[in-house]
Amino acid sequence: MKKQEVLNDVLKNFAALTENDIVASLHFWKLRKIAKGDFFNMQSFVCTDLALIVKGIFRVYYVHPKTQEEKNMYFFSENQFLVSFRSFITQYPCYYFIEALEDSEILSISYTDLQYLYTTSSGWEKFGRLLAELFFNYSQSRTEEFLFNTPEERYLKMINEHPNIINRVAAYQISSYLGIKNPSLTRIKKRLQQKTA
């Protein structure tokens, strides 16, 4: 699929950008391949790019300073935007790692180029507002999941957002994201299988 087709599909749906808005942005978006295990961004580095995932799945995680345990916070997959948003908008170093869990392809745009686009049309200004709302919603929802939802409910929400994740991501990565241990994940899967049997 060509760069313009991917951008048309996602950007028109996301922010109702016009054909002219998208065409004006084309030369700013760079196609990048990121191999499994490589990083889109690393802890202590400024997140300088916003990405749109064309192919692949990524995890956002941090390393606990005392235990060195990795804790997954988010998964992002095809047709989602990928960024450490606070680092991106402040241009301060990021607290997290963003790692490809599969060989992946992204379209990325720099902070500077996106800021320029915001000045070119009301469509791009709207895009910026919707992007901020989207990442605020991710953050708020993630906090509320741990306050109000059971691990099973968190699991079902994850499956809804990333339908094939079970076949694509190792169980220990999913357990970390859900805030549980592997045996608990096994019990959740078994319970859900029994409900649908």
C-alpha atoms as a PDB file:
ATOM      1  CA  MET A   1       0.000   0.000   0.000  1.00  0.00           C
ATOM      2  CA  LYS A   2       1.340   3.424  -0.900  1.00  0.00           C
ATOM      3  CA  LYS A   3       2.123   6.080   1.684  1.00  0.00           C
ATOM      4  CA  GLN A   4      -0.684   8.356   0.464  1.00  0.00           C
ATOM      5  CA  GLU A   5      -3.258   5.539   0.613  1.00  0.00           C
ATOM      6  CA  VAL A   6      -2.334   4.669   4.210  1.00  0.00           C
ATOM      7  CA  LEU A   7      -2.462   8.307   5.283  1.00  0.00           C
ATOM      8  CA  ASN A   8      -5.748   8.882   3.448  1.00  0.00           C
ATOM      9  CA  ASP A   9      -7.360   5.894   5.172  1.00  0.00           C
ATOM     10  CA  VAL A  10      -6.305   6.868   8.677  1.00  0.00           C
ATOM     11  CA  LEU A  11      -6.155  10.666   8.644  1.00  0.00           C
ATOM     12  CA  LYS A  12      -9.510  11.200   6.944  1.00  0.00           C
ATOM     13  CA  ASN A  13     -11.220   8.938   9.472  1.00  0.00           C
ATOM     14  CA  PHE A  14      -9.352  10.357  12.443  1.00  0.00           C
ATOM     15  CA  ALA A  15      -9.555  14.093  11.809  1.00  0.00           C
ATOM     16  CA  ALA A  16     -11.532  14.516   8.564  1.00  0.00           C
ATOM     17  CA  LEU A  17      -8.445  15.978   6.903  1.00  0.00           C
ATOM     18  CA  THR A  18      -8.970  17.030   3.298  1.00  0.00           C
ATOM     19  CA  GLU A  19      -7.106  15.632   0.313  1.00  0.00           C
ATOM     20  CA  ASN A  20      -5.185  18.927   0.121  1.00  0.00           C
ATOM     21  CA  ASP A  21      -4.197  18.722   3.804  1.00  0.00           C
ATOM     22  CA  ILE A  22      -2.861  15.209   3.331  1.00  0.00           C
ATOM     23  CA  VAL A  23      -1.047  15.973   0.083  1.00  0.00           C
ATOM     24  CA  ALA A  24       0.624  18.981   1.749  1.00  0.00           C
ATOM     25  CA  SER A  25       1.973  16.677   4.466  1.00  0.00           C
ATOM     26  CA  LEU A  26       3.217  13.818   2.265  1.00  0.00           C
ATOM     27  CA  HIS A  27       6.868  14.813   2.031  1.00  0.00           C
ATOM     28  CA  PHE A  28       7.086  15.115   5.843  1.00  0.00           C
ATOM     29  CA  TRP A  29       6.080  11.482   6.505  1.00  0.00           C
ATOM     30  CA  LYS A  30       8.981   9.021   6.339  1.00  0.00           C
ATOM     31  CA  LEU A  31       8.530   5.265   5.915  1.00  0.00           C
ATOM     32  CA  ARG A  32      10.692   3.369   8.404  1.00  0.00           C
ATOM     33  CA  LYS A  33      11.228  -0.309   9.130  1.00  0.00           C
ATOM     34  CA  ILE A  34      11.891  -1.301  12.737  1.00  0.00           C
ATOM     35  CA  ALA A  35      13.094  -4.845  13.382  1.00  0.00           C
ATOM     36  CA  LYS A  36      11.673  -6.984  16.162  1.00  0.00           C
ATOM     37  CA  GLY A  37      13.445  -6.059  19.397  1.00  0.00           C
ATOM     38  CA  ASP A  38      14.531  -2.624  18.160  1.00  0.00           C
ATOM     39  CA  PHE A  39      13.245   0.630  19.594  1.00  0.00           C
ATOM     40  CA  PHE A  40      11.106   3.463  18.293  1.00  0.00           C
ATOM     41  CA  ASN A  41      12.207   5.476  21.323  1.00  0.00           C
ATOM     42  CA  MET A  42      14.250   4.821  24.447  1.00  0.00           C
ATOM     43  CA  GLN A  43      14.189   5.946  28.051  1.00  0.00           C
ATOM     44  CA  SER A  44      16.035   9.233  28.683  1.00  0.00           C
ATOM     45  CA  PHE A  45      15.789  10.218  25.002  1.00  0.00           C
ATOM     46  CA  VAL A  46      13.446  12.904  23.699  1.00  0.00           C
ATOM     47  CA  CYS A  47      10.634  11.459  21.575  1.00  0.00           C
ATOM     48  CA  THR A  48      11.095  13.527  18.424  1.00  0.00           C
ATOM     49  CA  ASP A  49       8.645  11.710  16.136  1.00  0.00           C
ATOM     50  CA  LEU A  50       5.001  10.775  15.922  1.00  0.00           C
ATOM     51  CA  ALA A  51       4.387   7.506  14.074  1.00  0.00           C
ATOM     52  CA  LEU A  52       1.497   5.789  12.392  1.00  0.00           C
ATOM     53  CA  ILE A  53       1.870   1.999  12.525  1.00  0.00           C
ATOM     54  CA  VAL A  54       1.515   0.466   9.069  1.00  0.00           C
ATOM     55  CA  LYS A  55       2.500  -3.044  10.153  1.00  0.00           C
ATOM     56  CA  GLY A  56       3.501  -4.574  13.475  1.00  0.00           C
ATOM     57  CA  ILE A  57       2.935  -4.242  17.193  1.00  0.00           C
ATOM     58  CA  PHE A  58       4.812  -2.243  19.822  1.00  0.00           C
ATOM     59  CA  ARG A  59       4.926  -2.173  23.587  1.00  0.00           C
ATOM     60  CA  VAL A  60       5.504   0.849  25.809  1.00  0.00           C
ATOM     61  CA  TYR A  61       7.205  -0.168  29.035  1.00  0.00           C
ATOM     62  CA  TYR A  62       9.338   1.068  31.868  1.00  0.00           C
ATOM     63  CA  VAL A  63      11.971  -0.663  33.980  1.00  0.00           C
ATOM     64  CA  HIS A  64      11.410  -0.558  37.728  1.00  0.00           C
ATOM     65  CA  PRO A  65      14.523   1.189  39.146  1.00  0.00           C
ATOM     66  CA  LYS A  66      14.901  -1.154  42.139  1.00  0.00           C
ATOM     67  CA  THR A  67      13.828  -4.555  40.822  1.00  0.00           C
ATOM     68  CA  GLN A  68      14.783  -3.993  37.156  1.00  0.00           C
ATOM     69  CA  GLU A  69      11.447  -5.632  36.300  1.00  0.00           C
ATOM     70  CA  GLU A  70       9.941  -4.540  32.997  1.00  0.00           C
ATOM     71  CA  LYS A  71       6.333  -3.356  33.262  1.00  0.00           C
ATOM     72  CA  ASN A  72       4.238  -3.028  30.103  1.00  0.00           C
ATOM     73  CA  MET A  73       1.947  -0.020  29.990  1.00  0.00           C
ATOM     74  CA  TYR A  74       0.508   0.006  26.466  1.00  0.00           C
ATOM     75  CA  PHE A  75       0.377  -1.987  23.261  1.00  0.00           C
ATOM     76  CA  PHE A  76      -0.014  -0.235  19.908  1.00  0.00           C
ATOM     77  CA  SER A  77      -0.690  -1.990  16.603  1.00  0.00           C
ATOM     78  CA  GLU A  78      -1.758  -1.345  12.999  1.00  0.00           C
ATOM     79  CA  ASN A  79      -3.465   1.968  12.179  1.00  0.00           C
ATOM     80  CA  GLN A  80      -2.731   3.429  15.624  1.00  0.00           C
ATOM     81  CA  PHE A  81      -0.542   6.420  16.361  1.00  0.00           C
ATOM     82  CA  LEU A  82       2.633   5.696  18.318  1.00  0.00           C
ATOM     83  CA  VAL A  83       4.402   8.275  20.452  1.00  0.00           C
ATOM     84  CA  SER A  84       5.551   9.030  23.969  1.00  0.00           C
ATOM     85  CA  PHE A  85       3.159  11.948  23.999  1.00  0.00           C
ATOM     86  CA  ARG A  86       4.372  13.897  27.031  1.00  0.00           C
ATOM     87  CA  SER A  87       7.971  13.739  25.835  1.00  0.00           C
ATOM     88  CA  PHE A  88       6.851  14.656  22.312  1.00  0.00           C
ATOM     89  CA  ILE A  89       4.877  17.773  23.260  1.00  0.00           C
ATOM     90  CA  THR A  90       7.374  19.022  25.872  1.00  0.00           C
ATOM     91  CA  GLN A  91      10.500  17.866  24.009  1.00  0.00           C
ATOM     92  CA  TYR A  92      11.854  16.561  27.307  1.00  0.00           C
ATOM     93  CA  PRO A  93      13.389  13.085  27.781  1.00  0.00           C
ATOM     94  CA  CYS A  94      11.028  10.127  27.839  1.00  0.00           C
ATOM     95  CA  TYR A  95      10.487   7.897  30.891  1.00  0.00           C
ATOM     96  CA  TYR A  96       9.681   4.840  28.778  1.00  0.00           C
ATOM     97  CA  PHE A  97      10.965   2.440  26.162  1.00  0.00           C
ATOM     98  CA  ILE A  98       8.937   1.821  22.992  1.00  0.00           C
ATOM     99  CA  GLU A  99       9.949  -1.519  21.457  1.00  0.00           C
ATOM    100  CA  ALA A 100       8.836  -3.401  18.360  1.00  0.00           C
ATOM    101  CA  LEU A 101       7.516  -6.874  19.236  1.00  0.00           C
ATOM    102  CA  GLU A 102       7.472  -7.849  15.550  1.00  0.00           C
ATOM    103  CA  ASP A 103       9.254  -6.695  12.424  1.00  0.00           C
ATOM    104  CA  SER A 104       7.329  -3.477  11.849  1.00  0.00           C
ATOM    105  CA  GLU A 105       6.781  -0.615   9.443  1.00  0.00           C
ATOM    106  CA  ILE A 106       5.784   2.899  10.431  1.00  0.00           C
ATOM    107  CA  LEU A 107       5.202   6.272   8.851  1.00  0.00           C
ATOM    108  CA  SER A 108       6.769   8.929  11.060  1.00  0.00           C
ATOM    109  CA  ILE A 109       6.697  12.706  11.171  1.00  0.00           C
ATOM    110  CA  SER A 110       8.966  14.929  13.241  1.00  0.00           C
ATOM    111  CA  TYR A 111       7.809  17.263  15.991  1.00  0.00           C
ATOM    112  CA  THR A 112       9.085  20.270  14.014  1.00  0.00           C
ATOM    113  CA  ASP A 113       7.275  19.282  10.824  1.00  0.00           C
ATOM    114  CA  LEU A 114       4.019  18.575  12.648  1.00  0.00           C
ATOM    115  CA  GLN A 115       4.208  21.947  14.392  1.00  0.00           C
ATOM    116  CA  TYR A 116       4.593  23.535  10.980  1.00  0.00           C
ATOM    117  CA  LEU A 117       1.533  21.687   9.643  1.00  0.00           C
ATOM    118  CA  TYR A 118      -0.520  23.016  12.577  1.00  0.00           C
ATOM    119  CA  THR A 119       0.064  26.521  11.180  1.00  0.00           C
ATOM    120  CA  THR A 120      -1.036  25.633   7.648  1.00  0.00           C
ATOM    121  CA  SER A 121      -4.713  24.752   8.047  1.00  0.00           C
ATOM    122  CA  SER A 122      -7.569  24.396  10.505  1.00  0.00           C
ATOM    123  CA  GLY A 123      -7.648  20.700   9.547  1.00  0.00           C
ATOM    124  CA  TRP A 124      -4.161  20.137  10.926  1.00  0.00           C
ATOM    125  CA  GLU A 125      -4.981  22.208  14.025  1.00  0.00           C
ATOM    126  CA  LYS A 126      -7.940  19.901  14.565  1.00  0.00           C
ATOM    127  CA  PHE A 127      -5.662  16.893  14.107  1.00  0.00           C
ATOM    128  CA  GLY A 128      -3.402  18.207  16.894  1.00  0.00           C
ATOM    129  CA  ARG A 129      -6.339  18.671  19.268  1.00  0.00           C
ATOM    130  CA  LEU A 130      -7.751  15.226  18.525  1.00  0.00           C
ATOM    131  CA  LEU A 131      -4.318  13.659  18.976  1.00  0.00           C
ATOM    132  CA  ALA A 132      -3.987  15.276  22.416  1.00  0.00           C
ATOM    133  CA  GLU A 133      -7.494  14.101  23.355  1.00  0.00           C
ATOM    134  CA  LEU A 134      -6.698  10.575  22.152  1.00  0.00           C
ATOM    135  CA  PHE A 135      -3.560  10.231  24.260  1.00  0.00           C
ATOM    136  CA  PHE A 136      -5.223  11.805  27.292  1.00  0.00           C
ATOM    137  CA  ASN A 137      -7.985   9.228  26.892  1.00  0.00           C
ATOM    138  CA  TYR A 138      -5.430   6.385  26.690  1.00  0.00           C
ATOM    139  CA  SER A 139      -3.788   7.601  29.889  1.00  0.00           C
ATOM    140  CA  GLN A 140      -7.040   8.115  31.809  1.00  0.00           C
ATOM    141  CA  SER A 141      -8.505   4.796  30.631  1.00  0.00           C
ATOM    142  CA  ARG A 142      -5.389   2.890  31.647  1.00  0.00           C
ATOM    143  CA  THR A 143      -5.500   4.364  35.152  1.00  0.00           C
ATOM    144  CA  GLU A 144      -9.213   3.625  35.495  1.00  0.00           C
ATOM    145  CA  GLU A 145      -8.757   0.028  34.291  1.00  0.00           C
ATOM    146  CA  PHE A 146      -6.630  -0.717  37.345  1.00  0.00           C
ATOM    147  CA  LEU A 147      -9.008   1.134  39.667  1.00  0.00           C
ATOM    148  CA  PHE A 148     -12.321  -0.261  38.447  1.00  0.00           C
ATOM    149  CA  ASN A 149     -11.777  -3.398  36.339  1.00  0.00           C
ATOM    150  CA  THR A 150     -10.855  -6.956  37.177  1.00  0.00           C
ATOM    151  CA  PRO A 151      -7.915  -8.610  35.379  1.00  0.00           C
ATOM    152  CA  GLU A 152     -10.441 -10.537  33.282  1.00  0.00           C
ATOM    153  CA  GLU A 153     -12.169  -7.305  32.231  1.00  0.00           C
ATOM    154  CA  ARG A 154      -8.775  -5.787  31.380  1.00  0.00           C
ATOM    155  CA  TYR A 155      -7.986  -8.880  29.312  1.00  0.00           C
ATOM    156  CA  LEU A 156     -11.255  -8.617  27.358  1.00  0.00           C
ATOM    157  CA  LYS A 157     -10.663  -4.912  26.688  1.00  0.00           C
ATOM    158  CA  MET A 158      -7.162  -5.683  25.409  1.00  0.00           C
ATOM    159  CA  ILE A 159      -8.532  -8.397  23.081  1.00  0.00           C
ATOM    160  CA  ASN A 160     -11.137  -5.961  21.788  1.00  0.00           C
ATOM    161  CA  GLU A 161      -8.478  -3.329  21.006  1.00  0.00           C
ATOM    162  CA  HIS A 162      -5.917  -5.792  19.574  1.00  0.00           C
ATOM    163  CA  PRO A 163      -7.904  -8.836  18.298  1.00  0.00           C
ATOM    164  CA  ASN A 164      -4.911 -11.016  17.319  1.00  0.00           C
ATOM    165  CA  ILE A 165      -2.611 -10.082  20.177  1.00  0.00           C
ATOM    166  CA  ILE A 166      -2.680 -13.530  21.812  1.00  0.00           C
ATOM    167  CA  ASN A 167      -1.102 -15.020  18.675  1.00  0.00           C
ATOM    168  CA  ARG A 168       1.403 -12.215  18.279  1.00  0.00           C
ATOM    169  CA  VAL A 169       2.720 -11.422  21.758  1.00  0.00           C
ATOM    170  CA  ALA A 170       4.266 -13.730  24.374  1.00  0.00           C
ATOM    171  CA  ALA A 171       2.080 -14.572  27.374  1.00  0.00           C
ATOM    172  CA  TYR A 172       4.503 -12.988  29.865  1.00  0.00           C
ATOM    173  CA  GLN A 173       4.247  -9.677  27.981  1.00  0.00           C
ATOM    174  CA  ILE A 174       0.455  -9.799  28.221  1.00  0.00           C
ATOM    175  CA  SER A 175       0.599 -10.734  31.915  1.00  0.00           C
ATOM    176  CA  SER A 176       2.837  -7.737  32.568  1.00  0.00           C
ATOM    177  CA  TYR A 177       0.393  -5.450  30.756  1.00  0.00           C
ATOM    178  CA  LEU A 178      -2.550  -6.804  32.783  1.00  0.00           C
ATOM    179  CA  GLY A 179      -0.656  -6.513  36.068  1.00  0.00           C
ATOM    180  CA  ILE A 180      -0.864 -10.242  36.819  1.00  0.00           C
ATOM    181  CA  LYS A 181       1.348 -13.345  36.766  1.00  0.00           C
ATOM    182  CA  ASN A 182       1.288 -16.016  34.048  1.00  0.00           C
ATOM    183  CA  PRO A 183      -0.741 -18.589  36.067  1.00  0.00           C
ATOM    184  CA  SER A 184      -3.506 -15.989  36.528  1.00  0.00           C
ATOM    185  CA  LEU A 185      -3.546 -15.326  32.767  1.00  0.00           C
ATOM    186  CA  THR A 186      -3.875 -19.070  32.121  1.00  0.00           C
ATOM    187  CA  ARG A 187      -6.849 -19.224  34.510  1.00  0.00           C
ATOM    188  CA  ILE A 188      -8.538 -16.259  32.790  1.00  0.00           C
ATOM    189  CA  LYS A 189      -8.156 -17.878  29.356  1.00  0.00           C
ATOM    190  CA  LYS A 190      -9.507 -21.202  30.670  1.00  0.00           C
ATOM    191  CA  ARG A 191     -12.486 -19.523  32.340  1.00  0.00           C
ATOM    192  CA  LEU A 192     -13.390 -17.629  29.165  1.00  0.00           C
ATOM    193  CA  GLN A 193     -13.061 -20.780  27.036  1.00  0.00           C
ATOM    194  CA  GLN A 194     -15.475 -22.574  29.393  1.00  0.00           C
ATOM    195  CA  LYS A 195     -17.981 -19.717  29.101  1.00  0.00           C
ATOM    196  CA  THR A 196     -17.991 -19.944  25.304  1.00  0.00           C
ATOM    197  CA  ALA A 197     -17.977 -23.761  25.145  1.00  0.00           C
END
